[in-house]
Structure formats: structure tokens, C-alpha cells
Protein backbone atom coordinates (compact mmCIF):
# COMPACT_ATOMS: atom_id res chain seq x y z
CA MET A 1 -0.03 -15.93 10.99
CA ALA A 2 2.60 -17.97 12.79
CA ASP A 3 1.65 -19.19 16.23
CA ASN A 4 3.07 -20.80 19.32
CA THR A 5 -0.01 -22.80 20.38
CA LYS A 6 0.63 -26.16 22.07
CA TYR A 7 -1.65 -29.19 22.04
CA ASN A 8 -2.22 -32.40 24.00
CA PHE A 9 -2.79 -35.32 21.67
CA TYR A 10 -3.53 -38.77 23.17
CA GLY A 11 -0.79 -38.77 25.77
CA GLU A 12 1.75 -36.65 23.93
CA LYS A 13 1.73 -33.30 25.68
CA LYS A 14 2.54 -29.77 24.56
CA VAL A 15 3.22 -30.57 20.89
CA GLY A 16 3.54 -27.85 18.29
CA LYS A 17 1.61 -27.63 15.04
CA ARG A 18 4.22 -29.47 12.92
CA ARG A 19 4.36 -32.44 15.29
CA LEU A 20 0.57 -32.35 15.68
CA ALA A 21 0.07 -32.71 11.92
CA GLU A 22 2.41 -35.70 11.85
CA LEU A 23 0.59 -37.34 14.79
CA ILE A 24 -2.86 -36.79 13.25
CA ILE A 25 -2.00 -38.35 9.88
CA THR A 26 -0.15 -41.33 11.36
CA LYS A 27 -3.00 -41.99 13.81
CA ILE A 28 -5.52 -41.91 10.94
CA PHE A 29 -3.59 -44.58 9.06
CA HIS A 30 -2.79 -46.71 12.10
CA GLU A 31 -6.42 -46.84 13.22
CA ASN A 32 -7.76 -47.47 9.71
CA SER A 33 -5.75 -50.36 8.35
CA ASN A 34 -7.83 -50.65 5.19
CA LEU A 35 -7.42 -46.99 4.32
CA ILE A 36 -5.11 -46.45 1.37
CA TYR A 37 -3.18 -43.34 0.40
CA ILE A 38 -5.32 -42.36 -2.57
CA ASP A 39 -8.53 -42.53 -0.49
CA LEU A 40 -7.21 -40.23 2.24
CA LYS A 41 -5.79 -37.94 -0.42
CA LYS A 42 -9.28 -37.55 -1.89
CA MET A 43 -10.76 -36.73 1.54
CA ILE A 44 -8.27 -33.90 2.15
CA ASP A 45 -9.45 -30.82 0.27
CA PHE A 46 -7.04 -28.41 1.94
CA LYS A 47 -3.28 -27.74 1.80
CA ALA A 48 -0.44 -27.38 4.24
CA SER A 49 1.50 -24.11 4.47
CA ASN A 50 2.67 -22.43 1.23
CA GLY A 51 0.10 -24.45 -0.74
CA GLN A 52 2.00 -27.68 -0.12
CA GLU A 53 0.31 -31.08 -0.35
CA VAL A 54 -0.52 -32.61 3.05
CA ILE A 55 0.58 -36.14 2.10
CA TYR A 56 2.42 -37.93 -0.69
CA ASP A 57 3.09 -41.56 -1.45
CA GLU A 58 6.54 -42.43 -2.76
CA SER A 59 5.80 -42.02 -6.47
CA ASP A 60 4.08 -38.63 -5.98
CA TYR A 61 6.85 -37.50 -3.65
CA LEU A 62 9.58 -38.39 -6.15
CA GLU A 63 7.71 -36.65 -8.97
CA TRP A 64 7.29 -33.53 -6.83
CA SER A 65 10.92 -33.45 -5.66
CA GLU A 66 12.49 -34.31 -9.02
CA ASN A 67 13.38 -30.72 -9.92
CA LEU A 68 14.03 -29.53 -6.37
CA ASP A 69 17.20 -29.41 -4.34
CA LYS A 70 17.35 -32.69 -2.42
CA ASN A 71 18.06 -31.10 0.95
CA SER A 72 15.34 -28.51 0.45
CA ALA A 73 12.78 -31.17 -0.48
CA THR A 74 13.68 -33.32 2.51
CA LYS A 75 13.18 -30.43 4.92
CA ARG A 76 9.59 -29.92 3.76
CA TYR A 77 8.37 -33.44 4.56
CA PHE A 78 8.92 -35.75 7.52
CA ASP A 79 10.72 -39.04 7.07
CA PRO A 80 8.19 -41.49 5.61
CA PHE A 81 6.46 -44.22 7.58
CA LEU A 82 5.18 -47.52 6.19
CA HIS A 83 1.46 -48.24 5.87
CA ASN A 84 0.48 -51.46 4.12
CA ASN A 85 3.99 -51.54 2.61
CA GLU A 86 3.42 -48.08 1.23
CA LYS A 87 5.67 -45.11 2.11
CA ILE A 88 3.69 -42.09 3.30
CA TYR A 89 5.26 -38.62 3.45
CA ILE A 90 3.65 -35.94 5.66
CA SER A 91 4.22 -32.21 5.17
CA SER A 92 6.20 -30.45 7.90
CA GLN A 93 5.08 -26.99 6.75
CA TRP A 94 2.20 -25.71 8.89
CA SER A 95 0.97 -22.25 9.87
CA ILE A 96 -1.80 -21.12 12.21
CA THR A 97 -4.21 -20.92 9.27
CA SER A 98 -3.27 -24.18 7.55
CA ILE A 99 -3.37 -26.38 10.67
CA GLN A 100 -6.97 -25.51 11.55
CA PRO A 101 -8.62 -27.40 8.62
CA LEU A 102 -6.57 -30.50 9.52
CA ILE A 103 -7.69 -30.29 13.16
CA GLU A 104 -11.34 -29.86 12.15
CA PHE A 105 -11.07 -32.68 9.61
CA SER A 106 -9.66 -35.10 12.21
CA LYS A 107 -12.37 -34.18 14.70
CA LEU A 108 -15.32 -34.47 12.30
CA LYS A 109 -14.16 -37.46 10.25
CA PHE A 110 -12.31 -39.53 12.85
CA ASP A 111 -13.61 -38.12 16.16
CA PHE A 112 -10.12 -37.28 17.42
CA ASN A 113 -9.75 -35.41 20.70
CA ILE A 114 -7.28 -32.53 20.48
CA GLU A 115 -6.81 -30.36 23.56
CA VAL A 116 -5.43 -26.85 23.17
CA ILE A 117 -2.99 -26.03 25.97
CA ASN A 118 -2.48 -22.37 25.16
CA LYS A 119 -3.20 -19.81 22.49
CA ASN A 120 -0.08 -17.77 22.94
CA THR A 121 0.82 -16.56 19.47
CA ILE A 122 4.22 -15.36 18.43
CA LEU A 123 2.68 -11.94 17.89
CA ASP A 124 1.42 -11.91 21.49
CA LYS A 125 4.91 -12.87 22.59
CA ALA A 126 6.37 -10.09 20.47
CA GLN A 127 4.08 -7.55 22.14
CA LYS A 128 5.38 -8.63 25.56
CA LEU A 129 8.99 -8.43 24.39
CA LYS A 130 8.55 -4.84 23.23
CA THR A 131 8.97 -3.80 26.86
CA SER A 132 12.36 -5.50 26.98
CA THR A 133 15.43 -3.45 26.12
CA LYS A 134 16.89 -6.41 24.26
CA GLU A 135 14.04 -6.80 21.75
CA ASN A 136 14.54 -5.01 18.43
CA SER A 137 11.37 -3.87 16.70
CA ILE A 138 13.09 -2.45 13.60
CA LYS A 139 13.91 -5.20 11.11
CA ASN A 140 14.66 -3.26 7.90
CA ILE A 141 17.69 -0.97 7.94
CA ILE A 142 19.64 0.86 5.24
CA LEU A 143 23.10 2.25 6.03
CA TYR A 144 23.83 5.05 3.56
CA GLY A 145 26.61 7.50 2.96
CA ALA A 146 29.58 8.43 0.79
CA PRO A 147 32.20 5.89 -0.33
CA GLY A 148 34.56 4.76 2.41
CA VAL A 149 32.45 5.49 5.50
CA GLY A 150 32.32 1.80 6.47
CA LYS A 151 28.78 0.88 5.42
CA THR A 152 29.51 -2.79 4.66
CA TYR A 153 31.76 -3.12 7.70
CA ASN A 154 29.03 -1.71 9.93
CA THR A 155 26.50 -4.28 8.73
CA GLN A 156 28.75 -6.86 10.43
CA LYS A 157 28.98 -4.72 13.55
CA PHE A 158 25.20 -4.26 13.53
CA ILE A 159 24.64 -8.03 13.48
CA SER A 160 27.20 -8.68 16.21
CA LEU A 161 25.54 -6.10 18.47
CA ILE A 162 22.10 -7.67 17.95
CA GLU A 163 23.47 -11.15 18.61
CA SER A 164 25.23 -10.02 21.80
CA LYS A 165 21.88 -9.01 23.37
CA LYS A 166 23.83 -6.71 25.66
CA VAL A 167 22.64 -3.34 24.34
CA ASP A 168 19.17 -2.11 23.43
CA GLU A 169 18.00 -0.98 20.01
CA LYS A 170 18.56 2.74 20.55
CA GLU A 171 22.12 2.14 21.71
CA ILE A 172 22.84 -0.06 18.69
CA PHE A 173 21.64 2.67 16.35
CA ARG A 174 23.72 5.29 18.17
CA ILE A 175 26.88 3.17 17.96
CA ILE A 176 26.38 2.53 14.24
CA GLU A 177 25.39 6.08 13.29
CA GLU A 178 28.27 7.66 15.17
CA ASN A 179 30.71 5.12 13.69
CA ILE A 180 32.06 4.36 17.13
CA GLU A 181 35.14 2.19 16.88
CA ASN A 182 34.93 -1.30 18.33
CA ASP A 183 36.63 -4.66 17.89
CA GLY A 184 36.20 -5.53 14.21
CA VAL A 185 37.79 -8.92 14.79
CA GLU A 186 35.06 -9.74 17.30
CA ALA A 187 32.35 -8.78 14.77
CA GLN A 188 33.92 -11.05 12.16
CA GLN A 189 34.11 -13.91 14.67
CA VAL A 190 30.42 -13.49 15.50
CA LEU A 191 29.51 -13.61 11.81
CA LYS A 192 31.62 -16.70 11.31
CA SER A 193 29.88 -18.45 14.20
CA ILE A 194 26.42 -17.75 12.72
CA GLN A 195 27.31 -17.94 9.02
CA ASP A 196 24.45 -20.38 8.38
CA ARG A 197 22.05 -17.64 9.45
CA VAL A 198 23.52 -14.86 7.31
CA LYS A 199 23.28 -14.40 3.54
CA PHE A 200 25.01 -11.66 1.54
CA ILE A 201 24.02 -10.41 -1.92
CA THR A 202 24.73 -7.37 -4.09
CA PHE A 203 22.00 -5.76 -6.17
CA HIS A 204 22.82 -4.70 -9.72
CA GLN A 205 20.93 -3.59 -12.82
CA SER A 206 20.32 -7.13 -14.07
CA TYR A 207 19.16 -8.52 -10.72
CA SER A 208 15.52 -9.60 -10.87
CA TYR A 209 12.51 -10.93 -8.94
CA GLU A 210 13.35 -14.38 -10.31
CA ASP A 211 16.81 -14.20 -8.73
CA PHE A 212 15.51 -12.83 -5.43
CA ILE A 213 12.21 -14.68 -4.82
CA GLU A 214 11.58 -17.47 -7.33
CA GLY A 215 11.48 -18.09 -11.07
CA PHE A 216 12.05 -20.47 -13.90
CA LYS A 217 15.65 -21.11 -14.93
CA PRO A 218 17.06 -23.02 -17.92
CA THR A 219 18.55 -26.46 -17.32
CA GLN A 220 21.42 -28.26 -19.03
CA GLU A 221 18.84 -30.47 -20.72
CA ALA A 222 17.46 -27.44 -22.60
CA GLY A 223 14.39 -27.34 -20.36
CA VAL A 224 13.34 -25.06 -17.53
CA LYS A 225 12.71 -25.61 -13.84
CA ARG A 226 11.47 -23.44 -11.01
CA GLU A 227 14.10 -22.41 -8.47
CA ASP A 228 13.85 -20.57 -5.18
CA GLY A 229 15.74 -17.29 -4.88
CA ILE A 230 17.96 -16.26 -1.99
CA PHE A 231 15.23 -14.34 -0.16
CA LYS A 232 12.77 -17.22 -0.29
CA GLU A 233 15.45 -19.63 0.95
CA ILE A 234 16.41 -17.54 3.97
CA VAL A 235 12.73 -16.95 4.83
CA LYS A 236 12.16 -20.71 4.93
CA ASP A 237 15.21 -21.17 7.15
CA ALA A 238 14.02 -18.44 9.52
CA ILE A 239 10.52 -19.93 9.76
CA ASP A 240 12.01 -23.32 10.63
CA ASP A 241 14.20 -21.81 13.38
CA VAL A 242 12.13 -19.21 15.25
CA LYS A 243 14.49 -19.21 18.25
CA ASN A 244 17.27 -17.52 16.28
CA ASN A 245 17.60 -14.37 14.19
CA TYR A 246 18.44 -14.54 10.49
CA TYR A 247 20.09 -11.78 8.48
CA LEU A 248 20.02 -10.83 4.79
CA ILE A 249 22.67 -8.25 3.86
CA ILE A 250 21.97 -6.42 0.59
CA ASP A 251 24.96 -4.43 -0.62
CA GLU A 252 24.32 -1.53 -3.03
CA ILE A 253 20.55 -1.86 -2.73
CA ASN A 254 19.95 1.29 -4.79
CA ARG A 255 21.74 -0.15 -7.84
CA GLY A 256 18.89 -2.58 -8.46
CA ASN A 257 15.32 -1.95 -9.64
CA ILE A 258 13.92 -2.31 -6.13
CA SER A 259 10.21 -2.35 -7.04
CA LYS A 260 10.83 -5.04 -9.63
CA ILE A 261 13.05 -7.17 -7.38
CA PHE A 262 10.77 -7.17 -4.33
CA GLY A 263 7.51 -7.22 -6.28
CA GLU A 264 4.47 -7.86 -4.09
CA LEU A 265 6.70 -8.68 -1.11
CA ILE A 266 7.49 -5.00 -0.51
CA THR A 267 4.40 -5.01 1.73
CA LEU A 268 5.26 -8.20 3.62
CA ILE A 269 8.64 -6.94 4.85
CA GLU A 270 7.04 -4.21 6.98
CA GLU A 271 7.58 -4.87 10.68
CA ASP A 272 3.87 -4.87 11.54
CA LYS A 273 3.05 -7.16 8.60
CA ARG A 274 5.55 -9.87 9.56
CA ASP A 275 3.95 -13.26 10.34
CA VAL A 276 0.52 -11.73 9.71
CA TYR A 277 0.03 -11.09 6.00
CA GLU A 278 0.74 -13.60 3.26
CA VAL A 279 0.59 -13.61 -0.52
CA THR A 280 0.39 -16.32 -3.17
CA LEU A 281 3.61 -16.43 -5.17
CA PRO A 282 3.07 -16.22 -8.94
CA TYR A 283 5.22 -19.16 -10.06
CA SER A 284 4.87 -21.80 -7.34
CA LYS A 285 1.38 -20.69 -6.17
CA GLU A 286 2.65 -21.16 -2.62
CA LYS A 287 1.44 -19.05 0.28
CA PHE A 288 4.29 -16.86 1.49
CA SER A 289 4.87 -14.64 4.52
CA VAL A 290 7.94 -13.00 6.08
CA PRO A 291 8.84 -13.93 9.69
CA ARG A 292 9.74 -11.52 12.47
CA ASN A 293 13.13 -13.10 13.09
CA LEU A 294 14.54 -12.02 9.71
CA TYR A 295 16.55 -8.79 9.51
CA ILE A 296 17.15 -7.06 6.18
CA ILE A 297 20.24 -4.86 6.42
CA ALA A 298 21.21 -2.97 3.27
CA THR A 299 23.83 -0.44 2.18
CA MET A 300 23.44 2.48 -0.19
CA ASN A 301 26.05 4.71 -1.77
CA SER A 302 24.53 8.19 -1.53
CA THR A 303 26.82 9.58 -4.24
CA ASP A 304 25.25 7.18 -6.77
CA LYS A 305 21.68 8.07 -5.92
CA SER A 306 20.22 10.49 -3.40
CA ILE A 307 17.89 9.13 -0.75
CA ALA A 308 15.32 11.59 -2.10
CA THR A 309 15.14 9.66 -5.40
CA ILE A 310 14.55 6.26 -3.75
CA ASP A 311 11.11 4.74 -4.26
CA ILE A 312 8.83 6.17 -1.57
CA ALA A 313 7.45 2.70 -0.80
CA LEU A 314 10.96 1.55 0.07
CA ARG A 315 11.73 4.65 2.12
CA ARG A 316 8.62 4.09 4.23
CA ARG A 317 9.51 0.46 4.95
CA PHE A 318 13.18 0.97 5.85
CA THR A 319 14.89 2.88 8.64
CA PHE A 320 17.79 4.90 7.22
CA LEU A 321 21.03 5.41 9.15
CA LYS A 322 23.41 7.97 7.73
CA MET A 323 27.04 6.97 8.00
CA LYS A 324 29.44 9.92 8.25
CA PRO A 325 33.23 10.13 7.90
CA ASN A 326 34.94 9.87 11.28
CA GLU A 327 38.38 11.46 11.45
CA ASP A 328 38.98 9.92 14.88
CA LEU A 329 39.38 6.54 13.18
CA VAL A 330 42.41 7.81 11.23
CA SER A 331 45.61 7.40 13.25
CA HIS A 332 48.21 9.03 10.93
CA GLN A 333 48.19 12.77 11.63
CA ASN A 334 49.05 13.96 8.10
CA ALA A 335 46.35 11.71 6.67
CA LYS A 336 43.85 13.06 9.19
CA ASN A 337 44.75 16.66 8.31
CA LEU A 338 44.44 16.00 4.60
CA MET A 339 41.10 14.27 5.02
CA SER A 340 39.76 17.24 7.01
CA ARG A 341 40.87 19.83 4.45
CA LEU A 342 39.65 17.89 1.42
CA ASN A 343 36.25 17.28 3.02
CA GLU A 344 35.84 20.92 3.95
CA PHE A 345 36.36 21.89 0.32
CA ILE A 346 34.12 19.08 -1.03
CA GLU A 347 31.29 19.92 1.36
CA ASN A 348 31.34 23.60 0.34
CA ILE A 349 31.23 22.78 -3.39
CA LEU A 350 29.33 19.48 -3.72
CA GLY A 351 27.64 18.90 -0.37
CA GLU A 352 28.07 16.60 2.62
CA SER A 353 27.09 13.42 0.73
CA TYR A 354 30.32 13.54 -1.30
CA LYS A 355 32.79 13.80 1.58
CA LEU A 356 35.60 11.25 1.61
CA GLY A 357 35.18 8.35 4.02
CA HIS A 358 37.74 7.52 6.68
CA SER A 359 38.43 4.04 5.27
CA TYR A 360 40.54 5.62 2.52
CA PHE A 361 43.00 6.81 5.18
CA MET A 362 42.77 4.23 7.98
CA LYS A 363 45.56 2.01 6.64
CA VAL A 364 48.01 4.88 6.21
CA MET A 365 51.00 4.26 8.49
CA SER A 366 53.61 6.48 6.83
CA ASP A 367 53.97 9.43 4.46
CA GLU A 368 54.83 6.94 1.70
CA ASP A 369 51.50 5.18 2.28
CA LEU A 370 49.73 8.51 2.13
CA GLU A 371 51.35 9.44 -1.20
CA PHE A 372 50.22 6.13 -2.69
CA ILE A 373 46.64 6.63 -1.47
CA LYS A 374 46.56 10.20 -2.78
CA GLU A 375 47.73 9.20 -6.26
CA TYR A 376 45.80 5.98 -6.83
CA LYS A 377 42.71 6.27 -4.61
CA ILE A 378 41.87 9.91 -3.95
CA LYS A 379 42.89 11.61 -7.18
CA PRO A 380 40.78 9.34 -9.50
CA LEU A 381 37.75 9.91 -7.26
CA LEU A 382 38.25 13.68 -7.34
CA GLU A 383 38.48 13.56 -11.13
CA GLU A 384 35.06 11.94 -11.16
CA TYR A 385 33.61 14.35 -8.61
CA PHE A 386 34.77 17.44 -10.50
CA TYR A 387 34.39 16.22 -14.05
CA ALA A 388 33.90 19.22 -16.39
CA ASP A 389 34.62 21.61 -13.49
CA GLU A 390 38.22 22.49 -14.22
CA ILE A 391 38.45 25.42 -11.79
CA ASN A 392 37.38 23.52 -8.67
CA TYR A 393 39.32 20.44 -9.74
CA THR A 394 42.50 22.54 -10.00
CA ASP A 395 41.84 24.06 -6.58
CA ILE A 396 41.31 20.73 -4.83
CA LEU A 397 44.41 19.26 -6.46
CA LYS A 398 46.39 22.08 -4.81
CA ILE A 399 45.09 20.87 -1.44
CA LEU A 400 45.91 17.26 -2.34
CA ARG A 401 49.52 18.16 -3.28
CA ASP A 402 50.23 20.83 -0.66
CA LYS A 403 52.62 18.95 1.66
CA LYS A 404 53.86 22.12 3.34
CA GLU A 405 50.42 23.23 4.59
CA GLU A 406 49.69 19.64 5.54
CA ASN A 407 52.75 19.47 7.78
CA ASN A 408 52.08 22.94 9.26
CA ASN A 409 48.76 21.69 10.53
CA GLU A 410 50.35 19.03 12.70
């Protein structure tokens, strides 16, 4: 469980758990000049967060970080300090559960005085924020619908609305679900300004747990090394920066084997399990939890796979927003008329999930544009929709090619 407890430690007031760990270890060494690294290492029979070693000397640190990304390794340990001409690295990864053994150890072994200022956990804080209209309790969202309804575009709009903190959660969902037009340029500018806090991936049939969480990958030297996946990386970033929201966008989530990709973490992503439950990862043996400040926003093409066929575990953990075609977003009148007539036919024969999205028609500025879209965008899709149904395919082609009726509807 993550926490927000502050401590007073020998004159340094209101320090957090990461700083407290650094102060404890340095004070142990400074007050025990004859103590060497290996002796303190033997005394410590506990780990920091994610199963990480509490301290390293330079040789152990280099061995540990040899197969890790340099920047990633640096973030997990504080800059070393010198003790008897020996570099000592202290872990910067601490949770509410991992810091307690270090506190007890310093009290019992070295008689340190550590004063707790507050016990205000992040979860307590979250409970208070639930009364605020600007706090969003739903962290896992899937935007689903037919091709061209703006699912990927609306993930950007979703993030920009959250970041604005000007509208509450219900209003955000209404704006997205109704496909209300807003300034797309503004949404793109927001994403650009927070690009370090947003990651985008696309699921596919070959995507795996090893790509998403962690796994062993081959090296150029014909060996293997363990690498963190994109989800594990963004979780670490979010944990290190609790003041800001982080966003993982998963495009085409239903194209991947979701149970295989998420593995045991399908439980940890639940909103009420965030920051509370943790698992031990199979490859690194690290303790792992998912923070509250990480949003998972996914898209799903409902013509590829019905929501009814999605794994029930996933359906329970995500909030689904159905994106519908919005004719009001189409400015060219003939294009709007054609879209309306085609969708009426498609809905009667195939159902609402197969209706054409407005994005097919939004860039139409002339009849010449419309003819191009009809021939090279709409017709191939209709061929797929009505494959082996020659009668209905012939009928819908009549609608597609009927310019006279199209113009009469203006």
C-alpha cells in the first residue's frame, strides 16, 4: 500500500519514506565508522520495494545494473555516498510495507528516534477526494464502436478533459459518449505537453505478457536478458510522480489475447485494488502494484469482436463507452445524406454495431471528394460487410450510386 506518511528525523522535518530510508542508512554508516558494507548487508534481512536490495556497494551495483537500462537503474538508487572510501548505493524504492522493517531495524539495532508526523495514506486522501467533482474514480475505460466513430481520437479528448480539471467525471463521460465536437487541436496540444506521461501501444495476436509486463529477450551476444515491458515502465513512472496522472492508451485491445497479456495483473488494475494489492512478478521476483494515478484507456472495434465475447474478467474491470456515428460532425450535405441512408440500411440488415462512422465523411468538401470516398473507402468495406450476401450487397450499392436521390434529399 502506498502512503503519504511524514516523519521527523533528527532535525529534518516532514520527510517522506524515500528520503527517510536514505537518512537512516547514511546515519548508520556515519555513526559507525568501523562498520563496513558487507557487515550491514548481513544485518539487513529484508528488502526495499519490488524485492529490491536495500544497499549495494559499487561492485554489486554494477553487476546488478549491467543488463538494465542505465537511466532506469539510476532512478532506482540514490546517488552514492562515500564511506571509508567505499561507494554505497541506497534504494529509492519504498512502500508502506517495505519501510516498516527498516524503521524497526534502526530503532532496535541503533536506537534511532523516528517521529511519525501523520498517518495520512494516499487511500485516505483518495476517499476525501471522492467528494470532489474533479476527482475521477474510474481508471479503466474502453471506447468501443464501429470503424470511423473516432475511438482513437476520443482517447486524446478524454485525456485532455481529465487534465483540464474543469469538468467532473460524469460530464467527461457524457461528452465522450455523445461524440460532442470540441477543439481537436487543443487536445493534441495537451497531449504534446504531457507526452512523457502518455504511452501508446496496439495489441495484436503476437503481443504477449513478456512484451507488456516483463520477460527475457535475446541479446546480440546470443544470450538473454530480462527487460521491463511498457506497462511495468509506466507504472514505475507513475509511482515516482504521484502528483500527476499517467495514461496508457491501448489501441485495438480486443485483437490481443487479453488474459495472457495481463496475466495475474488483471486483478491489480481494478480501481479498488490500486495501491493496495501487490503480486510477485514471475521473472524478476519483484513486488508489484498498480498506482491510482494511472489511467488505462483502450479502444475496441466492435465489428471485429462483440463486447459479449470479451473475457468476463476484463468486462468487469473496465467501464465501456459506446461510440456512435454522429452525422452532425459531417459538414457536406450530400455526404451527410448518404451516410444517413447507408446506415439505415446497414442497421436493418446487420445491426447498429456495423454502422459507418462519421470520420469517413468528415473530410468531404466537394462532390468529387465524396465520389473518391465512396469508391475507395466505403465500397470495399461494404464488400466485406455483405460478403456472400449478393442480394443485400446489390441493394446497398444502389444507395451508394444513387446520386439523384442523394441530391433530392438536400
